[in-house]
Amino acid sequence: MKTLVAAILAAVLLSTSSVWAWDGDGHMQVAEIAWKHLTAKSRTRVSKLLMLNPNYSLWIANVSAAKRKQTAFVMAATWPDFIKSAAGYSNDGDVAPLVPASAQNIGYSDHLMHRYWHFIDTPFSTDGTALVQPVAPNAQSQIELFTAAIASADTSDDIKSYDLVWLEHLVGDVHQPLHATSRFSADLPKGDRGGNSVVLCANPCKSKSELHAYWDDLLGTTKLPTTAITAADKLPAAPAAAAAVADDQVWITESFKAAMKFVYVPPVGPGAGPYTLDAAYKSQAKTEAKARIELAGVRLANLINANLK
C-alpha cells in the first residue's frame, strides 16, 4: 500500500507542472543530456545534494537502486515548475517585486514561487511600439547568482541543493526562444509576454492555445522520466564548439535570434492572432527545439562540472 501511495503522489507531482517553460518532458530531456555529460565526481556530488530536496523520496519511488541517481537528477529539473502549484508556496507575481526577497538565495526555506526567475524577455517591435526592458531578478541574474553560490566553499549544502535544482531548470528555460523574447506591437503595447498573449487556433477554431505553450510542448508532454530519458538519448549531438560556449548572455542572445528566425514568422502575424500553424512552421520549430534542448543539456553539464564544489 505504501508503494502504491508513493507512486500516486509522484504522478500528481509531475502532473501539476505549469506550462510556463519547456514542458516537464523538455526539462527532463535537458537533464538527461546533462547527466550523460557529467563527470563521475559531479554525479556523486549532485546525487548527494538532491537528497536534500523535499520531493526526493517521491522522485525515486519504485525506481531501482541502479537508476535512482539518474532519475532523481532528471526529475529535479521539473521542481521549479512544480512549486508553482504546490501547497505551502506563495505566488509573489509574474513580475519581480521591488523587494530584497525577490532575489534572495536562502535554500529550501524559501517558499516563494519566483515565477519571474524563469525568463528574461528581450523586447523587440516591428512597428515602432515603445519597448520595455527586462528587469532583474530574472533567469540570467539567477543563473549567475546560483552558479557563483555552488562554486563557493562558504555556501551550505541546503542552498547548493536548491540552487542546483534551479540551475537544472533555468539553463533549460533560457534555451527556449520564448523565454528570451517579448514582442511589442500596436495590438500588444505591453508586450506579448513571450508569446503567451498570441493565440493559436486549430481550424475551424474549435480549440485554441498560445504560441508560448506550443513551443513549450514541442519536445513532448510525457510525465514519465523513463520516456523523457529515452527521447533525449535519441537527439542528435550538439556541435562541439557551440556546446562549449559557457556565456549565459550568448545563450540568451541565441534564443532571441531563434525567436526571430523560427517563432515570429508566417503564418504567425504581427498581432495577437489567432493564427493557424502550417506543416512547414511545425517542422522547422521541432527541429530547432531539439537543437536548443541538446545544447542546453551539454552546457548545463559543463556548468556543473566546472563550478560545483
C-alpha atoms as a PDB file:
ATOM      1  CA  MET A   1       0.000   0.000   0.000  1.00  0.00           C
ATOM      2  CA  LYS A   2       2.806   2.442   0.856  1.00  0.00           C
ATOM      3  CA  THR A   3       4.409   1.775  -2.530  1.00  0.00           C
ATOM      4  CA  LEU A   4       1.128   2.471  -4.328  1.00  0.00           C
ATOM      5  CA  VAL A   5       0.592   5.714  -2.432  1.00  0.00           C
ATOM      6  CA  ALA A   6       4.111   6.870  -3.240  1.00  0.00           C
ATOM      7  CA  ALA A   7       3.593   6.137  -6.929  1.00  0.00           C
ATOM      8  CA  ILE A   8       0.322   8.072  -6.972  1.00  0.00           C
ATOM      9  CA  LEU A   9       1.912  11.036  -5.223  1.00  0.00           C
ATOM     10  CA  ALA A  10       4.771  11.066  -7.691  1.00  0.00           C
ATOM     11  CA  ALA A  11       2.329  11.113 -10.594  1.00  0.00           C
ATOM     12  CA  VAL A  12       0.433  14.003  -9.023  1.00  0.00           C
ATOM     13  CA  LEU A  13       3.634  15.981  -8.555  1.00  0.00           C
ATOM     14  CA  LEU A  14       4.504  15.657 -12.214  1.00  0.00           C
ATOM     15  CA  SER A  15       1.014  16.365 -13.482  1.00  0.00           C
ATOM     16  CA  THR A  16       0.829  19.714 -11.717  1.00  0.00           C
ATOM     17  CA  SER A  17       3.794  21.218 -13.551  1.00  0.00           C
ATOM     18  CA  SER A  18       2.992  24.548 -15.168  1.00  0.00           C
ATOM     19  CA  VAL A  19       3.395  25.143 -18.892  1.00  0.00           C
ATOM     20  CA  TRP A  20       5.386  28.315 -18.309  1.00  0.00           C
ATOM     21  CA  ALA A  21       8.592  26.739 -19.576  1.00  0.00           C
ATOM     22  CA  TRP A  22       9.592  23.779 -21.697  1.00  0.00           C
ATOM     23  CA  ASP A  23       7.034  21.203 -20.643  1.00  0.00           C
ATOM     24  CA  GLY A  24       8.264  18.869 -17.911  1.00  0.00           C
ATOM     25  CA  ASP A  25       9.215  16.476 -20.688  1.00  0.00           C
ATOM     26  CA  GLY A  26      11.575  19.018 -22.255  1.00  0.00           C
ATOM     27  CA  HIS A  27      13.164  19.874 -18.915  1.00  0.00           C
ATOM     28  CA  MET A  28      13.712  16.202 -18.137  1.00  0.00           C
ATOM     29  CA  GLN A  29      15.338  15.745 -21.528  1.00  0.00           C
ATOM     30  CA  VAL A  30      17.725  18.628 -20.817  1.00  0.00           C
ATOM     31  CA  ALA A  31      18.635  16.984 -17.521  1.00  0.00           C
ATOM     32  CA  GLU A  32      19.165  13.566 -19.104  1.00  0.00           C
ATOM     33  CA  ILE A  33      21.540  15.054 -21.678  1.00  0.00           C
ATOM     34  CA  ALA A  34      23.404  16.799 -18.872  1.00  0.00           C
ATOM     35  CA  TRP A  35      23.569  13.585 -16.826  1.00  0.00           C
ATOM     36  CA  LYS A  36      25.341  11.825 -19.702  1.00  0.00           C
ATOM     37  CA  HIS A  37      27.987  14.572 -19.762  1.00  0.00           C
ATOM     38  CA  LEU A  38      28.593  14.905 -16.028  1.00  0.00           C
ATOM     39  CA  THR A  39      31.878  13.624 -14.650  1.00  0.00           C
ATOM     40  CA  ALA A  40      31.790  10.776 -12.132  1.00  0.00           C
ATOM     41  CA  LYS A  41      32.755  13.275  -9.430  1.00  0.00           C
ATOM     42  CA  SER A  42      29.919  15.611 -10.376  1.00  0.00           C
ATOM     43  CA  ARG A  43      27.391  12.760 -10.427  1.00  0.00           C
ATOM     44  CA  THR A  44      28.376  11.770  -6.908  1.00  0.00           C
ATOM     45  CA  ARG A  45      28.112  15.347  -5.638  1.00  0.00           C
ATOM     46  CA  VAL A  46      24.790  16.189  -7.282  1.00  0.00           C
ATOM     47  CA  SER A  47      23.264  12.919  -6.117  1.00  0.00           C
ATOM     48  CA  LYS A  48      24.127  13.724  -2.524  1.00  0.00           C
ATOM     49  CA  LEU A  49      22.768  17.256  -2.825  1.00  0.00           C
ATOM     50  CA  LEU A  50      19.470  16.190  -4.389  1.00  0.00           C
ATOM     51  CA  MET A  51      18.697  14.016  -1.378  1.00  0.00           C
ATOM     52  CA  LEU A  52      18.046  17.286   0.477  1.00  0.00           C
ATOM     53  CA  ASN A  53      15.159  18.266  -1.804  1.00  0.00           C
ATOM     54  CA  PRO A  54      11.747  17.815  -0.125  1.00  0.00           C
ATOM     55  CA  ASN A  55      10.487  15.780  -3.098  1.00  0.00           C
ATOM     56  CA  TYR A  56      13.432  13.379  -3.272  1.00  0.00           C
ATOM     57  CA  SER A  57      11.607  10.357  -1.863  1.00  0.00           C
ATOM     58  CA  LEU A  58       8.839  10.841  -4.434  1.00  0.00           C
ATOM     59  CA  TRP A  59      11.279  11.137  -7.309  1.00  0.00           C
ATOM     60  CA  ILE A  60      12.809   7.725  -6.562  1.00  0.00           C
ATOM     61  CA  ALA A  61       9.625   5.873  -5.569  1.00  0.00           C
ATOM     62  CA  ASN A  62       9.539   2.469  -7.337  1.00  0.00           C
ATOM     63  CA  VAL A  63      12.863   3.185  -9.061  1.00  0.00           C
ATOM     64  CA  SER A  64      15.546   0.507  -8.997  1.00  0.00           C
ATOM     65  CA  ALA A  65      18.639   1.276  -6.950  1.00  0.00           C
ATOM     66  CA  ALA A  66      20.739   1.370 -10.129  1.00  0.00           C
ATOM     67  CA  LYS A  67      18.580   4.121 -11.654  1.00  0.00           C
ATOM     68  CA  ARG A  68      17.813   6.294  -8.623  1.00  0.00           C
ATOM     69  CA  LYS A  69      20.607   8.831  -9.021  1.00  0.00           C
ATOM     70  CA  GLN A  70      19.872   9.391 -12.705  1.00  0.00           C
ATOM     71  CA  THR A  71      16.104   9.537 -12.176  1.00  0.00           C
ATOM     72  CA  ALA A  72      16.390  11.994  -9.282  1.00  0.00           C
ATOM     73  CA  PHE A  73      18.585  14.279 -11.376  1.00  0.00           C
ATOM     74  CA  VAL A  74      16.149  14.119 -14.303  1.00  0.00           C
ATOM     75  CA  MET A  75      13.104  14.734 -12.110  1.00  0.00           C
ATOM     76  CA  ALA A  76      14.783  17.591 -10.239  1.00  0.00           C
ATOM     77  CA  ALA A  77      14.668  19.715 -13.390  1.00  0.00           C
ATOM     78  CA  THR A  78      10.864  19.931 -13.057  1.00  0.00           C
ATOM     79  CA  TRP A  79      10.807  21.110  -9.418  1.00  0.00           C
ATOM     80  CA  PRO A  80      10.794  24.904 -10.061  1.00  0.00           C
ATOM     81  CA  ASP A  81       7.616  24.409 -12.098  1.00  0.00           C
ATOM     82  CA  PHE A  82       6.132  22.015  -9.530  1.00  0.00           C
ATOM     83  CA  ILE A  83       6.231  24.640  -6.777  1.00  0.00           C
ATOM     84  CA  LYS A  84       4.020  26.960  -8.851  1.00  0.00           C
ATOM     85  CA  SER A  85       1.058  24.840  -7.806  1.00  0.00           C
ATOM     86  CA  ALA A  86       2.351  23.183  -4.625  1.00  0.00           C
ATOM     87  CA  ALA A  87       0.824  23.722  -1.211  1.00  0.00           C
ATOM     88  CA  GLY A  88       2.901  25.954   1.040  1.00  0.00           C
ATOM     89  CA  TYR A  89       4.372  28.136  -1.721  1.00  0.00           C
ATOM     90  CA  SER A  90       3.338  31.767  -2.184  1.00  0.00           C
ATOM     91  CA  ASN A  91       2.703  33.341  -5.563  1.00  0.00           C
ATOM     92  CA  ASP A  92       4.696  36.575  -5.484  1.00  0.00           C
ATOM     93  CA  GLY A  93       3.706  37.548  -9.012  1.00  0.00           C
ATOM     94  CA  ASP A  94       4.897  37.207 -12.573  1.00  0.00           C
ATOM     95  CA  VAL A  95       6.985  40.389 -12.424  1.00  0.00           C
ATOM     96  CA  ALA A  96       9.824  40.759  -9.945  1.00  0.00           C
ATOM     97  CA  PRO A  97       8.627  42.800  -6.945  1.00  0.00           C
ATOM     98  CA  LEU A  98      10.947  45.565  -5.777  1.00  0.00           C
ATOM     99  CA  VAL A  99      11.840  43.823  -2.534  1.00  0.00           C
ATOM    100  CA  PRO A 100      15.035  42.051  -1.415  1.00  0.00           C
ATOM    101  CA  ALA A 101      13.242  38.684  -1.190  1.00  0.00           C
ATOM    102  CA  SER A 102      12.768  38.609  -4.961  1.00  0.00           C
ATOM    103  CA  ALA A 103      16.482  37.852  -5.435  1.00  0.00           C
ATOM    104  CA  GLN A 104      17.182  36.020  -2.194  1.00  0.00           C
ATOM    105  CA  ASN A 105      19.153  32.783  -2.092  1.00  0.00           C
ATOM    106  CA  ILE A 106      18.262  31.083   1.187  1.00  0.00           C
ATOM    107  CA  GLY A 107      17.667  27.477   0.170  1.00  0.00           C
ATOM    108  CA  TYR A 108      14.571  25.411   0.811  1.00  0.00           C
ATOM    109  CA  SER A 109      13.277  27.755   3.497  1.00  0.00           C
ATOM    110  CA  ASP A 110      12.308  30.000   0.566  1.00  0.00           C
ATOM    111  CA  HIS A 111       8.619  29.334  -0.101  1.00  0.00           C
ATOM    112  CA  LEU A 112       8.127  31.934  -2.830  1.00  0.00           C
ATOM    113  CA  MET A 113       7.337  30.703  -6.345  1.00  0.00           C
ATOM    114  CA  HIS A 114       9.632  33.227  -8.084  1.00  0.00           C
ATOM    115  CA  ARG A 115       7.849  32.906 -11.441  1.00  0.00           C
ATOM    116  CA  TYR A 116       9.877  35.862 -12.769  1.00  0.00           C
ATOM    117  CA  TRP A 117      13.080  33.832 -12.431  1.00  0.00           C
ATOM    118  CA  HIS A 118      12.065  31.673 -15.413  1.00  0.00           C
ATOM    119  CA  PHE A 119      12.647  34.167 -18.228  1.00  0.00           C
ATOM    120  CA  ILE A 120      14.402  37.266 -19.456  1.00  0.00           C
ATOM    121  CA  ASP A 121      12.234  38.793 -22.161  1.00  0.00           C
ATOM    122  CA  THR A 122      14.436  40.766 -24.540  1.00  0.00           C
ATOM    123  CA  PRO A 123      11.977  43.161 -26.233  1.00  0.00           C
ATOM    124  CA  PHE A 124      11.559  43.949 -29.908  1.00  0.00           C
ATOM    125  CA  SER A 125       8.991  45.599 -32.155  1.00  0.00           C
ATOM    126  CA  THR A 126       8.407  45.680 -35.893  1.00  0.00           C
ATOM    127  CA  ASP A 127       6.015  48.633 -35.857  1.00  0.00           C
ATOM    128  CA  GLY A 128       7.818  51.152 -33.650  1.00  0.00           C
ATOM    129  CA  THR A 129       5.890  50.414 -30.448  1.00  0.00           C
ATOM    130  CA  ALA A 130       7.820  51.591 -27.377  1.00  0.00           C
ATOM    131  CA  LEU A 131       9.804  48.823 -25.688  1.00  0.00           C
ATOM    132  CA  VAL A 132      10.033  47.890 -22.015  1.00  0.00           C
ATOM    133  CA  GLN A 133      13.371  46.414 -20.995  1.00  0.00           C
ATOM    134  CA  PRO A 134      13.532  43.374 -18.680  1.00  0.00           C
ATOM    135  CA  VAL A 135      14.248  43.947 -15.003  1.00  0.00           C
ATOM    136  CA  ALA A 136      16.235  41.895 -12.506  1.00  0.00           C
ATOM    137  CA  PRO A 137      15.957  39.422 -10.957  1.00  0.00           C
ATOM    138  CA  ASN A 138      15.363  37.257 -13.985  1.00  0.00           C
ATOM    139  CA  ALA A 139      16.615  34.000 -15.470  1.00  0.00           C
ATOM    140  CA  GLN A 140      20.022  35.414 -16.320  1.00  0.00           C
ATOM    141  CA  SER A 141      20.645  37.089 -12.973  1.00  0.00           C
ATOM    142  CA  GLN A 142      19.657  33.915 -11.124  1.00  0.00           C
ATOM    143  CA  ILE A 143      21.802  31.614 -13.266  1.00  0.00           C
ATOM    144  CA  GLU A 144      24.773  33.817 -12.421  1.00  0.00           C
ATOM    145  CA  LEU A 145      23.870  34.031  -8.719  1.00  0.00           C
ATOM    146  CA  PHE A 146      23.333  30.286  -8.342  1.00  0.00           C
ATOM    147  CA  THR A 147      26.456  29.407 -10.317  1.00  0.00           C
ATOM    148  CA  ALA A 148      28.574  31.560  -8.021  1.00  0.00           C
ATOM    149  CA  ALA A 149      26.897  30.011  -4.973  1.00  0.00           C
ATOM    150  CA  ILE A 150      27.528  26.379  -5.928  1.00  0.00           C
ATOM    151  CA  ALA A 151      31.159  27.277  -6.637  1.00  0.00           C
ATOM    152  CA  SER A 152      31.703  28.769  -3.187  1.00  0.00           C
ATOM    153  CA  ALA A 153      33.083  26.766  -0.290  1.00  0.00           C
ATOM    154  CA  ASP A 154      31.083  29.035   2.021  1.00  0.00           C
ATOM    155  CA  THR A 155      27.670  28.007   0.643  1.00  0.00           C
ATOM    156  CA  SER A 156      25.737  25.434   2.679  1.00  0.00           C
ATOM    157  CA  ASP A 157      24.642  22.171   1.091  1.00  0.00           C
ATOM    158  CA  ASP A 158      20.993  23.145   1.604  1.00  0.00           C
ATOM    159  CA  ILE A 159      21.464  26.229  -0.547  1.00  0.00           C
ATOM    160  CA  LYS A 160      23.612  24.367  -3.077  1.00  0.00           C
ATOM    161  CA  SER A 161      20.892  21.732  -3.441  1.00  0.00           C
ATOM    162  CA  TYR A 162      18.239  24.408  -4.011  1.00  0.00           C
ATOM    163  CA  ASP A 163      20.483  26.262  -6.459  1.00  0.00           C
ATOM    164  CA  LEU A 164      21.370  23.082  -8.351  1.00  0.00           C
ATOM    165  CA  VAL A 165      17.696  22.268  -8.942  1.00  0.00           C
ATOM    166  CA  TRP A 166      17.033  25.802 -10.153  1.00  0.00           C
ATOM    167  CA  LEU A 167      20.073  25.721 -12.439  1.00  0.00           C
ATOM    168  CA  GLU A 168      18.867  22.471 -13.994  1.00  0.00           C
ATOM    169  CA  HIS A 169      15.632  24.255 -14.808  1.00  0.00           C
ATOM    170  CA  LEU A 170      16.813  27.751 -15.727  1.00  0.00           C
ATOM    171  CA  VAL A 171      19.523  26.680 -18.152  1.00  0.00           C
ATOM    172  CA  GLY A 172      16.768  24.838 -19.991  1.00  0.00           C
ATOM    173  CA  ASP A 173      14.476  27.855 -19.788  1.00  0.00           C
ATOM    174  CA  VAL A 174      16.865  30.312 -21.413  1.00  0.00           C
ATOM    175  CA  HIS A 175      17.312  27.948 -24.351  1.00  0.00           C
ATOM    176  CA  GLN A 176      13.564  28.159 -25.086  1.00  0.00           C
ATOM    177  CA  PRO A 177      13.255  31.063 -27.574  1.00  0.00           C
ATOM    178  CA  LEU A 178      10.112  32.436 -25.948  1.00  0.00           C
ATOM    179  CA  HIS A 179      11.809  32.654 -22.553  1.00  0.00           C
ATOM    180  CA  ALA A 180      14.181  35.221 -24.035  1.00  0.00           C
ATOM    181  CA  THR A 181      11.780  37.323 -26.077  1.00  0.00           C
ATOM    182  CA  SER A 182       8.743  39.594 -25.905  1.00  0.00           C
ATOM    183  CA  ARG A 183       7.207  41.293 -28.937  1.00  0.00           C
ATOM    184  CA  PHE A 184       5.704  44.765 -28.527  1.00  0.00           C
ATOM    185  CA  SER A 185       3.118  45.923 -31.051  1.00  0.00           C
ATOM    186  CA  ALA A 186       0.128  48.190 -31.500  1.00  0.00           C
ATOM    187  CA  ASP A 187      -2.092  45.219 -30.610  1.00  0.00           C
ATOM    188  CA  LEU A 188       0.016  44.330 -27.558  1.00  0.00           C
ATOM    189  CA  PRO A 189       1.654  47.570 -26.350  1.00  0.00           C
ATOM    190  CA  LYS A 190       2.702  45.960 -23.041  1.00  0.00           C
ATOM    191  CA  GLY A 191       4.361  43.062 -24.831  1.00  0.00           C
ATOM    192  CA  ASP A 192       3.134  39.593 -25.702  1.00  0.00           C
ATOM    193  CA  ARG A 193       4.681  38.029 -22.562  1.00  0.00           C
ATOM    194  CA  GLY A 194       6.898  35.664 -24.505  1.00  0.00           C
ATOM    195  CA  GLY A 195       4.105  34.604 -26.811  1.00  0.00           C
ATOM    196  CA  ASN A 196       1.633  33.886 -24.012  1.00  0.00           C
ATOM    197  CA  SER A 197      -0.680  36.564 -25.440  1.00  0.00           C
ATOM    198  CA  VAL A 198      -0.519  35.266 -29.016  1.00  0.00           C
ATOM    199  CA  VAL A 199      -3.406  32.909 -29.701  1.00  0.00           C
ATOM    200  CA  LEU A 200      -3.201  29.884 -31.960  1.00  0.00           C
ATOM    201  CA  CYS A 201      -6.272  28.357 -33.499  1.00  0.00           C
ATOM    202  CA  ALA A 202      -6.923  24.836 -34.664  1.00  0.00           C
ATOM    203  CA  ASN A 203      -9.005  25.332 -37.804  1.00  0.00           C
ATOM    204  CA  PRO A 204     -12.016  25.764 -37.663  1.00  0.00           C
ATOM    205  CA  CYS A 205     -11.168  27.400 -34.333  1.00  0.00           C
ATOM    206  CA  LYS A 206     -12.810  24.847 -32.076  1.00  0.00           C
ATOM    207  CA  SER A 207      -9.759  24.837 -29.833  1.00  0.00           C
ATOM    208  CA  LYS A 208      -7.190  27.481 -29.025  1.00  0.00           C
ATOM    209  CA  SER A 209      -3.801  27.609 -27.347  1.00  0.00           C
ATOM    210  CA  GLU A 210      -0.974  30.108 -27.013  1.00  0.00           C
ATOM    211  CA  LEU A 211       2.189  30.417 -29.070  1.00  0.00           C
ATOM    212  CA  HIS A 212       4.263  30.043 -25.918  1.00  0.00           C
ATOM    213  CA  ALA A 213       2.504  26.816 -24.920  1.00  0.00           C
ATOM    214  CA  TYR A 214       3.036  25.418 -28.415  1.00  0.00           C
ATOM    215  CA  TRP A 215       6.796  25.892 -28.127  1.00  0.00           C
ATOM    216  CA  ASP A 216       6.819  24.528 -24.568  1.00  0.00           C
ATOM    217  CA  ASP A 217       5.302  21.267 -25.768  1.00  0.00           C
ATOM    218  CA  LEU A 218       7.411  20.706 -28.883  1.00  0.00           C
ATOM    219  CA  LEU A 219       9.579  18.016 -27.287  1.00  0.00           C
ATOM    220  CA  GLY A 220       6.618  16.159 -25.816  1.00  0.00           C
ATOM    221  CA  THR A 221       4.314  16.181 -22.824  1.00  0.00           C
ATOM    222  CA  THR A 222       5.102  12.935 -21.048  1.00  0.00           C
ATOM    223  CA  LYS A 223       5.162  12.902 -17.255  1.00  0.00           C
ATOM    224  CA  LEU A 224       7.347   9.786 -17.150  1.00  0.00           C
ATOM    225  CA  PRO A 225      11.104  10.228 -16.671  1.00  0.00           C
ATOM    226  CA  THR A 226      11.770   6.913 -18.423  1.00  0.00           C
ATOM    227  CA  THR A 227      10.070   8.174 -21.583  1.00  0.00           C
ATOM    228  CA  ALA A 228      11.909  11.513 -21.457  1.00  0.00           C
ATOM    229  CA  ILE A 229      15.241   9.731 -20.945  1.00  0.00           C
ATOM    230  CA  THR A 230      14.657   7.525 -23.984  1.00  0.00           C
ATOM    231  CA  ALA A 231      13.696  10.519 -26.131  1.00  0.00           C
ATOM    232  CA  ALA A 232      16.701  12.563 -25.010  1.00  0.00           C
ATOM    233  CA  ASP A 233      19.083   9.730 -25.810  1.00  0.00           C
ATOM    234  CA  LYS A 234      17.874   9.834 -29.436  1.00  0.00           C
ATOM    235  CA  LEU A 235      18.513  13.543 -30.014  1.00  0.00           C
ATOM    236  CA  PRO A 236      21.328  14.477 -32.423  1.00  0.00           C
ATOM    237  CA  ALA A 237      24.527  15.613 -30.750  1.00  0.00           C
ATOM    238  CA  ALA A 238      25.166  19.338 -30.472  1.00  0.00           C
ATOM    239  CA  PRO A 239      28.096  20.848 -32.398  1.00  0.00           C
ATOM    240  CA  ALA A 240      31.118  20.722 -30.103  1.00  0.00           C
ATOM    241  CA  ALA A 241      32.061  24.381 -30.489  1.00  0.00           C
ATOM    242  CA  ALA A 242      28.542  25.614 -29.720  1.00  0.00           C
ATOM    243  CA  ALA A 243      28.131  23.208 -26.807  1.00  0.00           C
ATOM    244  CA  ALA A 244      31.335  24.537 -25.234  1.00  0.00           C
ATOM    245  CA  VAL A 245      30.003  28.119 -25.007  1.00  0.00           C
ATOM    246  CA  ALA A 246      29.722  28.964 -21.302  1.00  0.00           C
ATOM    247  CA  ASP A 247      28.498  32.572 -21.533  1.00  0.00           C
ATOM    248  CA  ASP A 248      24.839  32.782 -20.482  1.00  0.00           C
ATOM    249  CA  GLN A 249      24.433  36.037 -22.408  1.00  0.00           C
ATOM    250  CA  VAL A 250      25.332  34.180 -25.593  1.00  0.00           C
ATOM    251  CA  TRP A 251      22.723  31.507 -24.777  1.00  0.00           C
ATOM    252  CA  ILE A 252      20.059  34.185 -24.338  1.00  0.00           C
ATOM    253  CA  THR A 253      21.063  36.032 -27.495  1.00  0.00           C
ATOM    254  CA  GLU A 254      20.899  32.755 -29.433  1.00  0.00           C
ATOM    255  CA  SER A 255      17.374  32.146 -28.159  1.00  0.00           C
ATOM    256  CA  PHE A 256      16.329  35.675 -29.088  1.00  0.00           C
ATOM    257  CA  LYS A 257      17.686  35.196 -32.615  1.00  0.00           C
ATOM    258  CA  ALA A 258      15.945  31.823 -32.831  1.00  0.00           C
ATOM    259  CA  ALA A 259      12.664  33.546 -31.961  1.00  0.00           C
ATOM    260  CA  MET A 260      13.200  35.992 -34.833  1.00  0.00           C
ATOM    261  CA  LYS A 261      14.019  33.186 -37.259  1.00  0.00           C
ATOM    262  CA  PHE A 262      11.632  30.411 -36.226  1.00  0.00           C
ATOM    263  CA  VAL A 263       8.893  31.750 -33.913  1.00  0.00           C
ATOM    264  CA  TYR A 264       7.660  35.122 -35.170  1.00  0.00           C
ATOM    265  CA  VAL A 265       7.433  34.096 -38.805  1.00  0.00           C
ATOM    266  CA  PRO A 266       4.430  33.340 -41.062  1.00  0.00           C
ATOM    267  CA  PRO A 267       1.847  32.089 -40.501  1.00  0.00           C
ATOM    268  CA  VAL A 268       2.322  33.933 -37.180  1.00  0.00           C
ATOM    269  CA  GLY A 269       1.394  37.520 -37.972  1.00  0.00           C
ATOM    270  CA  PRO A 270       2.146  40.849 -36.267  1.00  0.00           C
ATOM    271  CA  GLY A 271      -0.727  40.886 -33.772  1.00  0.00           C
ATOM    272  CA  ALA A 272      -2.390  38.728 -31.125  1.00  0.00           C
ATOM    273  CA  GLY A 273      -3.929  36.240 -33.554  1.00  0.00           C
ATOM    274  CA  PRO A 274      -5.489  33.761 -33.738  1.00  0.00           C
ATOM    275  CA  TYR A 275      -3.123  32.053 -36.174  1.00  0.00           C
ATOM    276  CA  THR A 276      -3.109  28.524 -37.545  1.00  0.00           C
ATOM    277  CA  LEU A 277       0.358  26.970 -37.843  1.00  0.00           C
ATOM    278  CA  ASP A 278       1.156  25.063 -41.029  1.00  0.00           C
ATOM    279  CA  ALA A 279       3.248  21.935 -41.540  1.00  0.00           C
ATOM    280  CA  ALA A 280       6.367  23.835 -42.613  1.00  0.00           C
ATOM    281  CA  TYR A 281       6.314  26.005 -39.486  1.00  0.00           C
ATOM    282  CA  LYS A 282       5.825  22.986 -37.230  1.00  0.00           C
ATOM    283  CA  SER A 283       8.636  21.028 -38.848  1.00  0.00           C
ATOM    284  CA  GLN A 284      11.159  23.862 -38.512  1.00  0.00           C
ATOM    285  CA  ALA A 285      10.044  24.568 -34.952  1.00  0.00           C
ATOM    286  CA  LYS A 286      10.548  20.981 -33.828  1.00  0.00           C
ATOM    287  CA  THR A 287      13.988  20.768 -35.404  1.00  0.00           C
ATOM    288  CA  GLU A 288      15.044  23.988 -33.683  1.00  0.00           C
ATOM    289  CA  ALA A 289      13.605  22.867 -30.333  1.00  0.00           C
ATOM    290  CA  LYS A 290      15.597  19.630 -30.473  1.00  0.00           C
ATOM    291  CA  ALA A 291      18.780  21.566 -31.190  1.00  0.00           C
ATOM    292  CA  ARG A 292      18.152  24.007 -28.317  1.00  0.00           C
ATOM    293  CA  ILE A 293      17.408  21.181 -25.879  1.00  0.00           C
ATOM    294  CA  GLU A 294      20.594  19.327 -26.759  1.00  0.00           C
ATOM    295  CA  LEU A 295      22.693  22.477 -26.386  1.00  0.00           C
ATOM    296  CA  ALA A 296      21.064  23.250 -23.048  1.00  0.00           C
ATOM    297  CA  GLY A 297      21.872  19.810 -21.685  1.00  0.00           C
ATOM    298  CA  VAL A 298      25.548  19.810 -22.614  1.00  0.00           C
ATOM    299  CA  ARG A 299      26.007  23.379 -21.416  1.00  0.00           C
ATOM    300  CA  LEU A 300      24.302  22.555 -18.111  1.00  0.00           C
ATOM    301  CA  ALA A 301      26.706  19.655 -17.589  1.00  0.00           C
ATOM    302  CA  ASN A 302      29.678  21.870 -18.387  1.00  0.00           C
ATOM    303  CA  LEU A 303      28.437  24.486 -15.898  1.00  0.00           C
ATOM    304  CA  ILE A 304      28.082  21.884 -13.128  1.00  0.00           C
ATOM    305  CA  ASN A 305      31.400  20.166 -13.887  1.00  0.00           C
ATOM    306  CA  ALA A 306      33.229  23.484 -13.839  1.00  0.00           C
ATOM    307  CA  ASN A 307      31.624  25.062 -10.790  1.00  0.00           C
ATOM    308  CA  LEU A 308      30.065  22.637  -8.316  1.00  0.00           C
ATOM    309  CA  LYS A 309      32.193  22.257  -5.219  1.00  0.00           C
END
